[in-house]
């Protein structure tokens, strides 16, 4: 699984570990930054909040997860999601992505 740096502006992107079918990264967002709406065809994103709070929003099913340091949530394949700090504040988190072939399918925000 080769995961490239994101195409959207973020404060930090650090690869921690990568083996076929599994990737662990650290991402940090400044105030106002986000990971835009997207989904993955085959991998689950498991988020571990390191600094926050942070918010993970999902569509179909609609959900909102507010994570504080040490808390986790998982977003299964084919579930659109958006990540930001609470009230668009800063946050830092570890993301475990696997198992499977990684892709990033961008989707437009809801009107």
Protein backbone atom coordinates (compact mmCIF):
# COMPACT_ATOMS: atom_id res chain seq x y z
CA UNK A 1 0.00 0.00 0.00
CA UNK A 2 1.64 3.27 -1.07
CA UNK A 3 -0.01 6.27 0.54
CA UNK A 4 1.04 9.66 -0.75
CA UNK A 5 0.97 12.96 1.11
CA UNK A 6 -2.49 14.49 0.92
CA UNK A 7 -3.50 16.97 -1.79
CA UNK A 8 -5.03 19.33 0.79
CA UNK A 9 -3.15 21.64 3.18
CA UNK A 10 -2.41 20.25 6.64
CA UNK A 11 0.13 21.11 9.34
CA UNK A 12 1.73 17.67 9.61
CA UNK A 13 1.85 14.40 7.68
CA UNK A 14 4.18 11.73 9.03
CA UNK A 15 4.35 8.10 7.91
CA UNK A 16 4.82 5.87 10.97
CA UNK A 17 4.65 2.43 9.36
CA UNK A 18 3.66 0.93 6.05
CA UNK A 19 3.42 -2.69 4.95
CA UNK A 20 1.36 -4.23 2.15
CA UNK A 21 -2.29 -3.60 2.95
CA UNK A 22 -1.73 -1.49 6.08
CA UNK A 23 -0.57 2.07 6.79
CA UNK A 24 -0.14 4.09 10.00
CA UNK A 25 0.26 7.88 9.81
CA UNK A 26 0.18 10.93 12.06
CA UNK A 27 -1.78 13.91 10.75
CA UNK A 28 -2.18 17.33 12.34
CA UNK A 29 -4.56 20.09 11.35
CA UNK A 30 -4.17 23.79 12.12
CA UNK A 31 -7.25 25.82 13.02
CA UNK A 32 -9.50 25.96 9.98
CA UNK A 33 -7.91 22.98 8.18
CA UNK A 34 -9.72 19.72 7.45
CA UNK A 35 -9.51 16.40 5.69
CA UNK A 36 -12.20 16.98 3.05
CA UNK A 37 -15.13 14.66 2.30
CA UNK A 38 -13.94 11.38 0.81
CA UNK A 39 -14.20 7.62 1.13
CA UNK A 40 -12.02 4.58 0.59
CA UNK A 41 -13.16 1.64 -1.51
CA UNK A 42 -11.44 -1.09 0.52
CA UNK A 43 -9.79 0.22 3.70
CA UNK A 44 -11.14 1.10 7.12
CA UNK A 45 -9.85 4.34 8.69
CA UNK A 46 -9.29 3.99 12.43
CA UNK A 47 -8.68 7.36 14.10
CA UNK A 48 -6.86 7.80 17.42
CA UNK A 49 -7.07 11.35 18.79
CA UNK A 50 -3.72 12.59 20.13
CA UNK A 51 -4.55 16.29 20.57
CA UNK A 52 -7.98 17.72 20.22
CA UNK A 53 -10.82 17.52 20.49
CA UNK A 54 -11.44 16.42 16.92
CA UNK A 55 -14.55 15.60 14.90
CA UNK A 56 -15.14 12.79 12.39
CA UNK A 57 -18.38 13.18 10.43
CA UNK A 58 -19.85 10.44 8.25
CA UNK A 59 -22.61 10.14 5.65
CA UNK A 60 -24.77 7.09 4.95
CA UNK A 61 -24.92 6.33 7.76
CA UNK A 62 -24.90 9.87 9.08
CA UNK A 63 -22.83 10.16 12.20
CA UNK A 64 -20.64 12.47 14.21
CA UNK A 65 -17.83 11.36 16.50
CA UNK A 66 -16.17 13.84 18.83
CA UNK A 67 -12.87 12.40 20.03
CA UNK A 68 -10.71 13.58 22.88
CA UNK A 69 -7.10 12.46 23.37
CA UNK A 70 -6.94 8.67 23.68
CA UNK A 71 -10.39 8.09 22.14
CA UNK A 72 -10.90 6.22 18.86
CA UNK A 73 -13.43 5.59 16.13
CA UNK A 74 -13.41 3.57 12.92
CA UNK A 75 -14.94 4.44 9.54
CA UNK A 76 -15.57 1.41 7.31
CA UNK A 77 -14.92 1.24 3.57
CA UNK A 78 -17.30 3.10 1.25
CA UNK A 79 -18.43 5.47 4.03
CA UNK A 80 -17.93 9.14 3.19
CA UNK A 81 -16.21 11.04 5.97
CA UNK A 82 -14.80 14.46 6.88
CA UNK A 83 -12.27 15.22 9.64
CA UNK A 84 -11.64 18.51 11.46
CA UNK A 85 -10.94 19.93 14.87
CA UNK A 86 -14.01 20.71 16.98
CA UNK A 87 -15.20 24.21 16.02
CA UNK A 88 -12.50 24.02 13.32
CA UNK A 89 -9.78 24.25 15.97
CA UNK A 90 -6.44 22.42 15.73
CA UNK A 91 -6.08 18.69 16.28
CA UNK A 92 -3.57 15.88 15.85
CA UNK A 93 -4.35 12.23 15.34
CA UNK A 94 -2.99 8.85 14.33
CA UNK A 95 -4.78 7.05 11.52
CA UNK A 96 -4.52 3.32 10.87
CA UNK A 97 -5.64 2.41 7.34
CA UNK A 98 -6.19 -1.17 6.27
CA UNK A 99 -6.55 -3.88 5.33
CA UNK A 100 -6.63 -3.59 1.58
CA UNK A 101 -5.72 -1.43 -1.37
CA UNK A 102 -5.71 2.28 -0.47
CA UNK A 103 -7.53 4.90 -2.52
CA UNK A 104 -8.86 8.38 -1.74
CA UNK A 105 -12.12 9.08 -3.53
CA UNK A 106 -12.98 12.77 -3.11
CA UNK A 107 -16.65 13.70 -3.03
CA UNK A 108 -18.25 17.13 -3.16
CA UNK A 109 -19.52 18.62 0.09
CA UNK A 110 -23.24 18.50 0.66
CA UNK A 111 -25.04 21.53 -0.70
